[in-house]
Amino acid sequence: MQFKKGNCWTACFDEDTDRYTAEYGDCRNYDLYEITKEIYDSLNEETSYDDAVRAIYKGRHLYMAVDDRCGPPYTIVFDHDYKTIAPWADVIESGKVWPDELTDAAVEIFESEKNNREQRRKKREQKNNG
């Protein structure tokens, strides 16, 4: 695995799976994404936190934990295979995990989660048919 690190973010290229992933955040908020090679290539140790987050945010959200004092802490698992996709990630959990039905609704409603729609729909279809 090859890593790039910056201020509160880490990106990884896994040669075995040919996947690119990245995480950012701190003890209050944490996000894990599957990213493209282009996003990975655009990151370096000099990339500011804001620029890194803007780039990583273009990827597919895998996991999110929020504890920002605006409400009770919560965790959203967008792809239950996140541990396989990014085994290196130092995943943080906050509060209760959203149920799949609520996560599915959020993915369908929020434009920011559109990269998860196909994956979530397939999983839902498999669950309903299996």
Protein backbone atom coordinates (compact mmCIF):
# COMPACT_ATOMS: atom_id res chain seq x y z
CA MET A 1 0.00 0.00 0.00
CA GLN A 2 1.17 3.49 -0.83
CA PHE A 3 0.14 6.42 1.36
CA LYS A 4 -0.01 10.17 1.09
CA LYS A 5 -0.59 12.19 4.25
CA GLY A 6 -1.41 15.76 5.02
CA ASN A 7 -3.02 17.85 7.73
CA CYS A 8 -5.82 15.59 9.12
CA TRP A 9 -6.12 13.54 5.91
CA THR A 10 -4.63 10.33 4.51
CA ALA A 11 -4.96 8.82 1.05
CA CYS A 12 -4.01 5.28 0.06
CA PHE A 13 -3.40 3.33 -3.12
CA ASP A 14 -3.76 -0.43 -2.59
CA GLU A 15 -1.80 -2.21 -5.33
CA ASP A 16 -3.45 -5.56 -4.51
CA THR A 17 -6.98 -4.30 -5.20
CA ASP A 18 -6.10 -1.38 -7.51
CA ARG A 19 -8.26 0.87 -5.29
CA TYR A 20 -7.76 4.41 -4.09
CA THR A 21 -9.24 5.53 -0.78
CA ALA A 22 -8.92 8.50 1.54
CA GLU A 23 -9.98 9.60 4.99
CA TYR A 24 -10.16 13.01 6.63
CA GLY A 25 -11.30 14.43 9.90
CA ASP A 26 -10.50 14.54 13.55
CA CYS A 27 -11.97 13.26 16.80
CA ARG A 28 -15.29 15.08 16.16
CA ASN A 29 -15.95 14.29 12.50
CA TYR A 30 -14.56 11.52 10.33
CA ASP A 31 -15.13 10.64 6.65
CA LEU A 32 -13.89 7.74 4.51
CA TYR A 33 -14.11 7.79 0.70
CA GLU A 34 -13.25 5.67 -2.29
CA ILE A 35 -11.51 8.05 -4.69
CA THR A 36 -10.17 7.99 -8.23
CA LYS A 37 -6.56 7.83 -9.34
CA GLU A 38 -6.87 11.44 -10.51
CA ILE A 39 -7.94 12.59 -7.05
CA TYR A 40 -5.15 10.57 -5.44
CA ASP A 41 -2.58 12.00 -7.86
CA SER A 42 -3.74 15.56 -7.08
CA LEU A 43 -2.93 15.17 -3.38
CA ASN A 44 0.47 15.72 -1.79
CA GLU A 45 1.82 16.66 1.62
CA GLU A 46 1.59 20.34 0.72
CA THR A 47 -2.12 20.14 -0.13
CA SER A 48 -4.08 22.20 2.38
CA TYR A 49 -6.79 20.53 4.45
CA ASP A 50 -9.52 22.48 2.63
CA ASP A 51 -8.18 21.59 -0.83
CA ALA A 52 -7.75 17.94 0.16
CA VAL A 53 -11.31 17.74 1.50
CA ARG A 54 -12.70 19.39 -1.66
CA ALA A 55 -10.87 16.81 -3.80
CA ILE A 56 -11.70 13.76 -1.66
CA TYR A 57 -15.36 14.85 -1.42
CA LYS A 58 -15.69 14.16 -5.17
CA GLY A 59 -15.23 10.44 -4.48
CA ARG A 60 -17.73 7.87 -3.20
CA HIS A 61 -18.56 8.23 0.48
CA LEU A 62 -18.04 4.96 2.33
CA TYR A 63 -18.40 5.92 5.98
CA MET A 64 -19.07 8.97 8.15
CA ALA A 65 -19.00 9.62 11.89
CA VAL A 66 -20.24 12.92 13.33
CA ASP A 67 -19.92 14.29 16.86
CA ASP A 68 -20.18 18.04 16.33
CA ARG A 69 -22.26 19.05 19.36
CA CYS A 70 -25.14 20.16 17.09
CA GLY A 71 -27.04 17.08 18.19
CA PRO A 72 -26.33 13.56 19.37
CA PRO A 73 -23.35 11.83 17.74
CA TYR A 74 -24.10 9.43 14.88
CA THR A 75 -22.45 7.18 12.32
CA ILE A 76 -23.55 6.47 8.75
CA VAL A 77 -22.27 3.41 6.90
CA PHE A 78 -22.77 4.08 3.19
CA ASP A 79 -21.01 0.89 2.09
CA HIS A 80 -20.86 -2.03 4.51
CA ASP A 81 -17.76 -3.28 2.65
CA TYR A 82 -15.73 -0.26 3.81
CA LYS A 83 -13.39 -2.47 5.90
CA THR A 84 -12.54 -4.54 2.81
CA ILE A 85 -12.27 -1.50 0.53
CA ALA A 86 -10.04 0.43 2.97
CA PRO A 87 -8.58 -2.04 5.50
CA TRP A 88 -5.89 0.49 6.46
CA ALA A 89 -8.36 3.19 7.60
CA ASP A 90 -8.45 4.26 11.23
CA VAL A 91 -12.26 4.36 11.34
CA ILE A 92 -13.92 6.29 14.16
CA GLU A 93 -17.45 5.49 15.36
CA SER A 94 -19.68 8.09 16.99
CA GLY A 95 -22.98 7.37 18.70
CA LYS A 96 -25.57 5.18 17.06
CA VAL A 97 -25.27 3.83 13.54
CA TRP A 98 -28.08 4.91 11.22
CA PRO A 99 -30.30 2.05 10.05
CA ASP A 100 -29.99 1.07 6.39
CA GLU A 101 -33.45 2.44 5.59
CA LEU A 102 -32.50 5.93 6.79
CA THR A 103 -29.16 5.77 4.96
CA ASP A 104 -30.94 4.68 1.76
CA ALA A 105 -33.30 7.65 2.06
CA ALA A 106 -30.43 10.10 2.61
CA VAL A 107 -28.54 8.72 -0.40
CA GLU A 108 -31.62 9.15 -2.60
CA ILE A 109 -32.36 12.68 -1.35
CA PHE A 110 -28.96 14.35 -1.03
CA GLU A 111 -27.10 15.22 -4.23
CA SER A 112 -23.83 14.97 -2.29
CA GLU A 113 -24.40 11.20 -1.90
CA LYS A 114 -25.34 10.48 -5.54
CA ASN A 115 -22.16 8.41 -5.99
CA ASN A 116 -23.67 5.83 -3.62
CA ARG A 117 -27.06 5.43 -5.29
CA GLU A 118 -26.18 2.60 -7.68
CA GLN A 119 -24.35 0.60 -4.99
CA ARG A 120 -27.13 1.08 -2.40
CA ARG A 121 -29.88 0.21 -4.92
CA LYS A 122 -28.10 -3.02 -5.90
CA LYS A 123 -27.65 -4.04 -2.26
CA ARG A 124 -31.31 -3.28 -1.53
CA GLU A 125 -32.43 -5.32 -4.56
CA GLN A 126 -30.24 -8.27 -3.51
CA LYS A 127 -31.66 -8.11 0.02
CA ASN A 128 -35.26 -8.00 -1.26
CA ASN A 129 -34.70 -10.88 -3.71
CA GLY A 130 -32.59 -13.04 -1.46
